[in-house]
N, C-alpha and C. Protein backbone atom coordinates (compact mmCIF):
# COMPACT_ATOMS: atom_id res chain seq x y z
N MET A 1 -23.65 3.82 10.53
CA MET A 1 -22.74 4.89 10.17
C MET A 1 -21.57 4.31 9.38
N SER A 2 -21.21 4.95 8.30
CA SER A 2 -20.11 4.44 7.47
C SER A 2 -18.80 5.11 7.86
N ARG A 3 -17.72 4.43 7.53
CA ARG A 3 -16.37 4.93 7.77
C ARG A 3 -15.73 5.24 6.43
N PHE A 4 -14.59 5.95 6.48
CA PHE A 4 -13.86 6.28 5.27
C PHE A 4 -12.55 5.50 5.24
N PRO A 5 -12.28 4.77 4.15
CA PRO A 5 -10.99 4.09 4.03
C PRO A 5 -9.91 5.10 3.65
N GLU A 6 -8.66 4.74 3.88
CA GLU A 6 -7.55 5.60 3.47
C GLU A 6 -7.39 5.50 1.96
N ILE A 7 -7.21 6.65 1.32
CA ILE A 7 -7.04 6.73 -0.13
C ILE A 7 -5.65 7.29 -0.41
N LYS A 8 -4.92 6.65 -1.32
CA LYS A 8 -3.64 7.18 -1.79
C LYS A 8 -3.78 7.45 -3.28
N TRP A 9 -3.16 8.53 -3.75
CA TRP A 9 -3.28 8.86 -5.17
C TRP A 9 -1.97 9.41 -5.71
N ALA A 10 -1.81 9.22 -7.02
CA ALA A 10 -0.70 9.78 -7.78
C ALA A 10 -1.21 9.99 -9.20
N GLN A 11 -0.45 10.72 -10.02
CA GLN A 11 -0.93 10.96 -11.38
C GLN A 11 0.21 10.99 -12.39
N ARG A 12 -0.18 10.82 -13.62
CA ARG A 12 0.65 11.07 -14.80
C ARG A 12 -0.16 12.03 -15.65
N ILE A 13 0.39 12.46 -16.76
CA ILE A 13 -0.33 13.42 -17.58
C ILE A 13 -1.62 12.83 -18.13
N ASP A 14 -1.67 11.50 -18.30
CA ASP A 14 -2.83 10.87 -18.92
C ASP A 14 -3.67 10.00 -17.98
N LYS A 15 -3.24 9.81 -16.73
CA LYS A 15 -4.00 8.93 -15.83
C LYS A 15 -3.79 9.30 -14.38
N VAL A 16 -4.69 8.78 -13.55
CA VAL A 16 -4.62 8.95 -12.10
C VAL A 16 -4.62 7.56 -11.48
N TYR A 17 -3.75 7.36 -10.50
CA TYR A 17 -3.71 6.10 -9.76
C TYR A 17 -4.37 6.34 -8.40
N ILE A 18 -5.39 5.56 -8.10
CA ILE A 18 -6.05 5.64 -6.80
C ILE A 18 -5.98 4.26 -6.15
N THR A 19 -5.48 4.24 -4.92
CA THR A 19 -5.42 3.01 -4.14
C THR A 19 -6.27 3.19 -2.90
N VAL A 20 -7.26 2.32 -2.73
CA VAL A 20 -8.09 2.33 -1.53
C VAL A 20 -7.48 1.29 -0.60
N GLN A 21 -6.93 1.76 0.53
CA GLN A 21 -6.27 0.88 1.49
C GLN A 21 -7.34 0.28 2.41
N LEU A 22 -7.75 -0.95 2.12
CA LEU A 22 -8.77 -1.61 2.93
C LEU A 22 -8.55 -3.12 2.88
N PRO A 23 -7.74 -3.66 3.80
CA PRO A 23 -7.47 -5.09 3.79
C PRO A 23 -8.73 -5.93 4.01
N ASP A 24 -8.77 -7.07 3.35
CA ASP A 24 -9.86 -8.04 3.50
C ASP A 24 -11.24 -7.44 3.23
N ALA A 25 -11.32 -6.57 2.24
CA ALA A 25 -12.60 -5.95 1.89
C ALA A 25 -13.53 -6.98 1.25
N ARG A 26 -14.80 -6.90 1.62
CA ARG A 26 -15.83 -7.79 1.07
C ARG A 26 -16.95 -6.92 0.50
N ASP A 27 -17.72 -7.50 -0.39
CA ASP A 27 -18.85 -6.80 -1.02
C ASP A 27 -18.43 -5.45 -1.59
N VAL A 28 -17.31 -5.46 -2.30
CA VAL A 28 -16.75 -4.22 -2.86
C VAL A 28 -17.58 -3.76 -4.05
N LYS A 29 -17.94 -2.49 -4.02
CA LYS A 29 -18.65 -1.87 -5.14
C LYS A 29 -17.90 -0.59 -5.50
N VAL A 30 -17.48 -0.51 -6.76
CA VAL A 30 -16.78 0.67 -7.27
C VAL A 30 -17.51 1.14 -8.51
N ASN A 31 -17.81 2.42 -8.53
CA ASN A 31 -18.49 2.98 -9.69
C ASN A 31 -17.76 4.26 -10.10
N LEU A 32 -17.46 4.36 -11.37
CA LEU A 32 -16.78 5.53 -11.92
C LEU A 32 -17.64 6.11 -13.02
N GLU A 33 -17.93 7.39 -12.92
CA GLU A 33 -18.74 8.08 -13.92
C GLU A 33 -17.84 8.94 -14.81
N PRO A 34 -18.20 9.13 -16.08
CA PRO A 34 -17.38 9.94 -16.99
C PRO A 34 -17.14 11.37 -16.51
N ASP A 35 -18.05 11.91 -15.72
CA ASP A 35 -17.87 13.28 -15.23
C ASP A 35 -16.92 13.35 -14.02
N GLY A 36 -16.32 12.21 -13.64
CA GLY A 36 -15.31 12.19 -12.59
C GLY A 36 -15.83 11.85 -11.21
N ILE A 37 -17.02 11.29 -11.11
CA ILE A 37 -17.55 10.87 -9.81
C ILE A 37 -17.09 9.44 -9.54
N PHE A 38 -16.40 9.24 -8.42
CA PHE A 38 -15.86 7.95 -8.02
C PHE A 38 -16.57 7.54 -6.73
N ASN A 39 -17.37 6.47 -6.80
CA ASN A 39 -18.10 5.95 -5.64
C ASN A 39 -17.49 4.62 -5.23
N PHE A 40 -17.35 4.42 -3.92
CA PHE A 40 -16.78 3.19 -3.38
C PHE A 40 -17.56 2.80 -2.13
N SER A 41 -17.81 1.49 -1.99
CA SER A 41 -18.37 0.96 -0.75
C SER A 41 -17.90 -0.48 -0.57
N ALA A 42 -17.74 -0.88 0.70
CA ALA A 42 -17.31 -2.24 1.03
C ALA A 42 -17.48 -2.45 2.52
N THR A 43 -17.41 -3.71 2.92
CA THR A 43 -17.36 -4.04 4.34
C THR A 43 -16.00 -4.66 4.60
N ALA A 44 -15.50 -4.47 5.83
CA ALA A 44 -14.19 -5.02 6.18
C ALA A 44 -14.07 -5.10 7.70
N GLY A 45 -13.13 -5.89 8.13
CA GLY A 45 -12.86 -6.02 9.56
C GLY A 45 -13.68 -7.12 10.20
N VAL A 46 -13.31 -7.43 11.42
CA VAL A 46 -13.98 -8.48 12.18
C VAL A 46 -15.43 -8.11 12.45
N SER A 47 -15.68 -6.82 12.67
CA SER A 47 -17.03 -6.36 12.99
C SER A 47 -17.85 -6.03 11.75
N ASN A 48 -17.34 -6.36 10.57
CA ASN A 48 -18.01 -6.04 9.30
C ASN A 48 -18.38 -4.56 9.23
N ASN A 49 -17.39 -3.71 9.47
CA ASN A 49 -17.61 -2.27 9.38
C ASN A 49 -17.90 -1.88 7.94
N PHE A 50 -18.81 -0.94 7.76
CA PHE A 50 -19.19 -0.49 6.43
C PHE A 50 -18.39 0.76 6.07
N TYR A 51 -17.71 0.71 4.92
CA TYR A 51 -16.91 1.83 4.42
C TYR A 51 -17.56 2.36 3.15
N GLU A 52 -17.61 3.66 3.03
CA GLU A 52 -18.24 4.27 1.87
C GLU A 52 -17.63 5.65 1.63
N LEU A 53 -17.47 5.98 0.36
CA LEU A 53 -17.03 7.33 0.03
C LEU A 53 -17.43 7.70 -1.39
N LYS A 54 -17.51 9.00 -1.59
CA LYS A 54 -17.80 9.55 -2.91
C LYS A 54 -16.76 10.65 -3.15
N LEU A 55 -16.00 10.49 -4.22
CA LEU A 55 -14.99 11.49 -4.57
C LEU A 55 -15.40 12.17 -5.87
N GLU A 56 -15.34 13.48 -5.88
CA GLU A 56 -15.56 14.23 -7.11
C GLU A 56 -14.19 14.60 -7.65
N LEU A 57 -13.72 13.81 -8.61
CA LEU A 57 -12.39 14.00 -9.16
C LEU A 57 -12.27 15.35 -9.86
N PHE A 58 -11.05 15.84 -9.97
CA PHE A 58 -10.78 17.18 -10.47
C PHE A 58 -11.37 17.45 -11.85
N ASP A 59 -11.37 16.43 -12.73
CA ASP A 59 -11.86 16.64 -14.10
C ASP A 59 -12.51 15.35 -14.61
N LYS A 60 -12.94 15.38 -15.85
CA LYS A 60 -13.61 14.23 -16.46
C LYS A 60 -12.61 13.10 -16.72
N VAL A 61 -13.16 11.88 -16.79
CA VAL A 61 -12.34 10.69 -16.99
C VAL A 61 -12.90 9.84 -18.13
N ASN A 62 -12.07 8.94 -18.63
CA ASN A 62 -12.48 8.00 -19.66
C ASN A 62 -12.81 6.68 -18.96
N LYS A 63 -14.06 6.45 -18.69
CA LYS A 63 -14.51 5.28 -17.94
C LYS A 63 -14.15 3.97 -18.65
N GLU A 64 -14.29 3.92 -19.96
CA GLU A 64 -14.06 2.68 -20.71
C GLU A 64 -12.59 2.23 -20.66
N GLU A 65 -11.66 3.16 -20.59
CA GLU A 65 -10.23 2.82 -20.59
C GLU A 65 -9.68 2.63 -19.17
N SER A 66 -10.45 2.96 -18.17
CA SER A 66 -10.00 2.85 -16.78
C SER A 66 -10.11 1.41 -16.30
N LYS A 67 -9.22 1.06 -15.35
CA LYS A 67 -9.18 -0.31 -14.82
C LYS A 67 -9.28 -0.27 -13.31
N ILE A 68 -10.03 -1.21 -12.77
CA ILE A 68 -10.19 -1.31 -11.33
C ILE A 68 -9.86 -2.74 -10.93
N ASN A 69 -9.00 -2.87 -9.91
CA ASN A 69 -8.52 -4.18 -9.48
C ASN A 69 -8.74 -4.35 -7.99
N ILE A 70 -9.44 -5.40 -7.60
CA ILE A 70 -9.71 -5.67 -6.20
C ILE A 70 -8.71 -6.70 -5.70
N GLY A 71 -7.83 -6.29 -4.80
CA GLY A 71 -6.82 -7.16 -4.23
C GLY A 71 -7.16 -7.52 -2.79
N VAL A 72 -6.29 -8.28 -2.18
CA VAL A 72 -6.51 -8.74 -0.81
C VAL A 72 -6.35 -7.59 0.19
N ARG A 73 -5.38 -6.71 -0.04
CA ARG A 73 -5.10 -5.64 0.90
C ARG A 73 -5.60 -4.27 0.45
N SER A 74 -5.87 -4.14 -0.84
CA SER A 74 -6.28 -2.83 -1.34
C SER A 74 -7.03 -2.97 -2.66
N ILE A 75 -7.66 -1.88 -3.05
CA ILE A 75 -8.35 -1.80 -4.34
C ILE A 75 -7.55 -0.77 -5.14
N PHE A 76 -7.00 -1.20 -6.27
CA PHE A 76 -6.12 -0.35 -7.07
C PHE A 76 -6.84 0.05 -8.36
N CYS A 77 -6.88 1.34 -8.62
CA CYS A 77 -7.57 1.87 -9.80
C CYS A 77 -6.61 2.66 -10.68
N VAL A 78 -6.64 2.38 -11.96
CA VAL A 78 -5.92 3.18 -12.94
C VAL A 78 -6.99 3.89 -13.75
N ILE A 79 -7.13 5.18 -13.50
CA ILE A 79 -8.20 5.96 -14.11
C ILE A 79 -7.62 6.84 -15.22
N GLU A 80 -8.10 6.60 -16.42
CA GLU A 80 -7.64 7.38 -17.58
C GLU A 80 -8.34 8.74 -17.59
N LYS A 81 -7.56 9.79 -17.76
CA LYS A 81 -8.12 11.14 -17.84
C LYS A 81 -8.75 11.35 -19.20
N ALA A 82 -9.82 12.14 -19.27
CA ALA A 82 -10.46 12.45 -20.55
C ALA A 82 -9.55 13.33 -21.39
N GLU A 83 -8.83 14.25 -20.73
CA GLU A 83 -7.88 15.12 -21.42
C GLU A 83 -6.51 14.93 -20.79
N GLN A 84 -5.49 14.87 -21.64
CA GLN A 84 -4.14 14.70 -21.12
C GLN A 84 -3.63 16.03 -20.59
N GLN A 85 -3.76 16.18 -19.28
CA GLN A 85 -3.26 17.38 -18.62
C GLN A 85 -3.01 17.07 -17.15
N TRP A 86 -2.11 17.82 -16.54
CA TRP A 86 -1.84 17.64 -15.11
C TRP A 86 -2.94 18.29 -14.30
N TRP A 87 -3.43 17.57 -13.31
CA TRP A 87 -4.43 18.12 -12.41
C TRP A 87 -3.71 18.83 -11.27
N LYS A 88 -4.29 19.94 -10.81
CA LYS A 88 -3.72 20.68 -9.68
C LYS A 88 -3.86 19.88 -8.39
N LYS A 89 -4.90 19.08 -8.32
CA LYS A 89 -5.17 18.26 -7.14
C LYS A 89 -6.10 17.12 -7.54
N LEU A 90 -6.38 16.21 -6.63
CA LEU A 90 -7.23 15.07 -6.96
C LEU A 90 -8.71 15.45 -7.04
N LEU A 91 -9.16 16.27 -6.11
CA LEU A 91 -10.59 16.56 -6.00
C LEU A 91 -10.91 17.97 -6.48
N ARG A 92 -12.10 18.12 -7.09
CA ARG A 92 -12.52 19.46 -7.51
C ARG A 92 -13.05 20.22 -6.30
N GLY A 93 -13.21 21.51 -6.48
CA GLY A 93 -13.70 22.34 -5.38
C GLY A 93 -12.56 23.05 -4.68
N GLU A 94 -12.93 24.03 -3.90
CA GLU A 94 -11.93 24.84 -3.21
C GLU A 94 -11.66 24.39 -1.79
N GLY A 95 -12.43 23.43 -1.30
CA GLY A 95 -12.28 22.99 0.09
C GLY A 95 -10.98 22.25 0.33
N LYS A 96 -10.70 22.03 1.61
CA LYS A 96 -9.51 21.30 2.01
C LYS A 96 -9.69 19.81 1.68
N THR A 97 -8.60 19.17 1.28
CA THR A 97 -8.63 17.73 0.98
C THR A 97 -8.93 16.97 2.27
N PRO A 98 -9.85 15.99 2.22
CA PRO A 98 -10.17 15.22 3.42
C PRO A 98 -8.93 14.52 4.00
N HIS A 99 -8.93 14.31 5.30
CA HIS A 99 -7.77 13.74 6.00
C HIS A 99 -7.43 12.33 5.54
N TYR A 100 -8.35 11.60 4.98
CA TYR A 100 -8.12 10.22 4.56
C TYR A 100 -7.58 10.12 3.14
N VAL A 101 -7.41 11.25 2.43
CA VAL A 101 -6.84 11.27 1.08
C VAL A 101 -5.39 11.74 1.18
N LYS A 102 -4.46 10.88 0.74
CA LYS A 102 -3.03 11.17 0.86
C LYS A 102 -2.33 10.93 -0.48
N VAL A 103 -1.21 11.58 -0.65
CA VAL A 103 -0.40 11.38 -1.86
C VAL A 103 0.33 10.05 -1.75
N ASP A 104 0.36 9.30 -2.83
CA ASP A 104 1.10 8.04 -2.89
C ASP A 104 2.49 8.35 -3.43
N TRP A 105 3.42 8.62 -2.54
CA TRP A 105 4.76 9.04 -2.96
C TRP A 105 5.51 7.93 -3.68
N ASP A 106 5.13 6.68 -3.50
CA ASP A 106 5.78 5.57 -4.21
C ASP A 106 5.47 5.60 -5.70
N LYS A 107 4.35 6.19 -6.08
CA LYS A 107 3.95 6.23 -7.49
C LYS A 107 4.03 7.64 -8.07
N TRP A 108 4.30 8.62 -7.26
CA TRP A 108 4.27 10.02 -7.68
C TRP A 108 5.39 10.33 -8.66
N VAL A 109 5.06 11.15 -9.68
CA VAL A 109 6.03 11.69 -10.63
C VAL A 109 5.70 13.16 -10.81
N ASP A 110 6.71 14.02 -10.74
CA ASP A 110 6.48 15.45 -10.96
C ASP A 110 6.24 15.74 -12.43
N GLU A 111 5.61 16.86 -12.70
CA GLU A 111 5.36 17.27 -14.09
C GLU A 111 6.65 17.32 -14.89
N ASP A 112 7.72 17.80 -14.27
CA ASP A 112 9.01 17.93 -14.96
C ASP A 112 9.58 16.58 -15.36
N ASP A 113 9.24 15.54 -14.65
CA ASP A 113 9.77 14.21 -14.91
C ASP A 113 8.87 13.37 -15.80
N ASP A 114 7.90 13.98 -16.45
CA ASP A 114 6.89 13.23 -17.19
C ASP A 114 7.47 12.45 -18.37
N GLY A 115 8.65 12.78 -18.84
CA GLY A 115 9.24 12.07 -19.97
C GLY A 115 9.69 10.67 -19.62
N GLN A 116 9.69 10.34 -18.33
CA GLN A 116 10.10 9.01 -17.90
C GLN A 116 9.04 7.98 -18.23
N PRO A 117 9.41 6.71 -18.28
CA PRO A 117 8.42 5.66 -18.59
C PRO A 117 7.31 5.61 -17.55
N ASP A 118 6.22 5.01 -17.96
CA ASP A 118 5.03 4.88 -17.12
C ASP A 118 5.33 3.98 -15.92
N LEU A 119 4.49 4.00 -14.93
CA LEU A 119 4.64 3.19 -13.73
C LEU A 119 4.74 1.72 -14.13
N ASP A 120 5.76 1.05 -13.61
CA ASP A 120 5.97 -0.36 -13.91
C ASP A 120 5.11 -1.20 -12.99
N LEU A 121 4.10 -1.84 -13.54
CA LEU A 121 3.22 -2.71 -12.76
C LEU A 121 3.69 -4.16 -12.81
N GLY A 122 4.89 -4.38 -13.35
CA GLY A 122 5.47 -5.71 -13.34
C GLY A 122 4.71 -6.71 -14.18
N GLY A 123 4.05 -6.28 -15.24
CA GLY A 123 3.29 -7.20 -16.08
C GLY A 123 2.10 -7.80 -15.35
N MET A 124 1.61 -7.12 -14.35
CA MET A 124 0.52 -7.61 -13.53
C MET A 124 -0.76 -7.79 -14.36
N ASP A 125 -1.38 -8.92 -14.21
CA ASP A 125 -2.66 -9.19 -14.86
C ASP A 125 -3.76 -8.77 -13.90
N PHE A 126 -4.42 -7.68 -14.20
CA PHE A 126 -5.42 -7.15 -13.28
C PHE A 126 -6.55 -8.12 -13.02
N SER A 127 -6.88 -8.97 -13.96
CA SER A 127 -7.99 -9.89 -13.75
C SER A 127 -7.66 -10.96 -12.71
N LYS A 128 -6.38 -11.20 -12.47
CA LYS A 128 -6.00 -12.26 -11.54
C LYS A 128 -5.29 -11.73 -10.30
N PHE A 129 -5.24 -10.46 -10.13
CA PHE A 129 -4.51 -9.86 -9.02
C PHE A 129 -5.01 -10.35 -7.67
N GLY A 130 -6.30 -10.48 -7.49
CA GLY A 130 -6.88 -10.89 -6.21
C GLY A 130 -6.67 -12.35 -5.88
N ASP A 131 -6.25 -13.17 -6.86
CA ASP A 131 -6.08 -14.60 -6.63
C ASP A 131 -4.71 -14.95 -6.06
N MET A 132 -3.84 -13.98 -5.91
CA MET A 132 -2.49 -14.27 -5.44
C MET A 132 -2.54 -14.64 -3.97
N GLY A 133 -1.99 -15.79 -3.65
CA GLY A 133 -1.96 -16.23 -2.26
C GLY A 133 -0.54 -16.20 -1.75
N GLY A 134 -0.37 -16.22 -0.44
CA GLY A 134 0.96 -16.17 0.15
C GLY A 134 1.71 -17.48 0.00
N GLY A 135 1.02 -18.60 -0.18
CA GLY A 135 1.67 -19.90 -0.23
C GLY A 135 2.45 -20.16 -1.49
N ALA A 136 2.21 -19.43 -2.55
CA ALA A 136 2.86 -19.70 -3.83
C ALA A 136 4.36 -19.44 -3.77
N MET A 137 4.79 -18.53 -2.93
CA MET A 137 6.21 -18.18 -2.89
C MET A 137 6.97 -18.95 -1.82
N ASP A 138 6.29 -19.64 -0.93
CA ASP A 138 6.96 -20.30 0.18
C ASP A 138 7.97 -21.34 -0.28
N ASP A 139 7.74 -22.02 -1.37
CA ASP A 139 8.63 -23.08 -1.83
C ASP A 139 9.96 -22.55 -2.33
N ASP A 140 10.02 -21.27 -2.71
CA ASP A 140 11.24 -20.71 -3.29
C ASP A 140 12.26 -20.31 -2.25
N PHE A 141 11.88 -20.18 -1.02
CA PHE A 141 12.78 -19.66 -0.01
C PHE A 141 13.24 -20.78 0.92
N GLU A 142 14.55 -20.88 1.06
CA GLU A 142 15.14 -21.83 1.99
C GLU A 142 16.16 -21.07 2.82
N ASP A 143 16.57 -21.67 3.95
CA ASP A 143 17.59 -21.03 4.75
C ASP A 143 18.88 -20.98 3.95
N SER A 144 19.58 -19.89 4.07
CA SER A 144 20.82 -19.71 3.33
C SER A 144 21.93 -20.51 3.99
N ASP A 145 22.77 -21.16 3.18
CA ASP A 145 23.93 -21.88 3.67
C ASP A 145 25.18 -21.03 3.57
N ASP A 146 25.03 -19.78 3.19
CA ASP A 146 26.17 -18.90 2.98
C ASP A 146 26.88 -18.55 4.28
N GLU A 147 26.15 -18.47 5.36
CA GLU A 147 26.74 -18.05 6.61
C GLU A 147 27.05 -19.25 7.48
N GLU A 148 28.22 -19.22 8.08
CA GLU A 148 28.61 -20.26 9.01
C GLU A 148 28.02 -19.91 10.37
N PRO A 149 27.63 -20.90 11.16
CA PRO A 149 27.13 -20.57 12.49
C PRO A 149 28.27 -19.99 13.33
N ALA A 150 27.94 -19.05 14.17
CA ALA A 150 28.96 -18.41 15.01
C ALA A 150 29.51 -19.42 16.00
N GLU A 151 30.87 -19.40 16.13
CA GLU A 151 31.50 -20.32 17.07
C GLU A 151 31.47 -19.71 18.46
N LYS A 152 31.41 -20.56 19.45
CA LYS A 152 31.41 -20.10 20.83
C LYS A 152 32.83 -19.66 21.16
N THR A 153 32.98 -18.47 21.69
CA THR A 153 34.31 -17.97 22.02
C THR A 153 34.43 -17.77 23.52
N GLU A 154 35.68 -17.83 23.99
CA GLU A 154 35.96 -17.58 25.40
C GLU A 154 35.86 -16.09 25.63
N HIS A 155 35.37 -15.72 26.79
CA HIS A 155 35.29 -14.31 27.13
C HIS A 155 36.65 -13.83 27.58
N ALA A 156 37.04 -12.68 27.14
CA ALA A 156 38.29 -12.08 27.58
C ALA A 156 38.08 -11.57 29.01
N PRO A 157 39.16 -11.49 29.76
CA PRO A 157 39.02 -11.00 31.14
C PRO A 157 38.38 -9.61 31.12
N GLY A 158 37.39 -9.43 31.97
CA GLY A 158 36.72 -8.13 32.06
C GLY A 158 35.53 -8.00 31.13
N ASP A 159 35.35 -8.92 30.12
CA ASP A 159 34.21 -8.82 29.21
C ASP A 159 32.91 -9.08 29.94
N ALA A 160 32.89 -10.17 30.65
CA ALA A 160 31.68 -10.53 31.37
C ALA A 160 32.08 -11.34 32.57
N LYS A 161 31.25 -11.34 33.54
CA LYS A 161 31.57 -12.10 34.74
C LYS A 161 31.45 -13.59 34.45
N THR A 162 32.46 -14.33 34.88
CA THR A 162 32.40 -15.77 34.71
C THR A 162 31.59 -16.37 35.84
N GLN A 163 31.28 -17.62 35.73
CA GLN A 163 30.51 -18.31 36.77
C GLN A 163 31.25 -18.24 38.10
N GLU A 164 32.60 -18.35 38.03
CA GLU A 164 33.42 -18.31 39.22
C GLU A 164 33.27 -16.97 39.93
N ASN A 165 33.32 -15.87 39.12
CA ASN A 165 33.20 -14.53 39.69
C ASN A 165 31.81 -14.32 40.27
N LEU A 166 30.78 -14.85 39.62
CA LEU A 166 29.42 -14.72 40.12
C LEU A 166 29.30 -15.39 41.48
N SER A 167 29.95 -16.56 41.62
CA SER A 167 29.90 -17.27 42.90
C SER A 167 30.58 -16.46 43.98
N ASP A 168 31.72 -15.83 43.64
CA ASP A 168 32.44 -15.01 44.60
C ASP A 168 31.59 -13.83 45.05
N ASP A 169 30.87 -13.20 44.10
CA ASP A 169 30.02 -12.06 44.43
C ASP A 169 28.92 -12.49 45.39
N LYS A 170 28.35 -13.67 45.16
CA LYS A 170 27.26 -14.14 45.99
C LYS A 170 27.75 -14.38 47.42
N LYS A 171 29.00 -14.93 47.56
CA LYS A 171 29.56 -15.18 48.90
C LYS A 171 29.73 -13.87 49.64
N GLU A 172 30.17 -12.81 48.94
CA GLU A 172 30.44 -11.54 49.59
C GLU A 172 29.16 -10.91 50.12
N THR A 173 28.01 -11.11 49.40
CA THR A 173 26.74 -10.50 49.85
C THR A 173 26.09 -11.29 50.96
N ASP A 174 26.47 -12.58 51.18
CA ASP A 174 25.84 -13.41 52.22
C ASP A 174 26.30 -13.04 53.58
């Protein structure tokens, strides 16, 4: 039996962003058809669970201009629309959107805000996205010397019980 990974999506007038949230995915297969059929399958997890889904996107897409990137924590897709228009929703049909498909509010732009620049991917090279390791940044971070260590201060009367007061309390209970 297959499972469904979490899907996040956002759009611009000319493209759709789809992120498949599936950490440590193996044997990833992604297929995009010009008529808007998006197929995904992979295994993930300690038990090698099989994940699979088929999405019928709202409209046709430009397969040749679309990009798919397999990362360590997710699979990120930039899907070019065949026609530059806002989609009412991600999936075609009148049914309810599946529970595992969610809006990606971090990438979302309203139709009214379309004049703003495109999503900044930080000059990311999609061909090398999956090769990024955590160790590359470790050398850049050191403990900050900006803060002085806190000095030990005397407690004001009534702040906390001193050792002397604790001893007195113990004598009273004996």
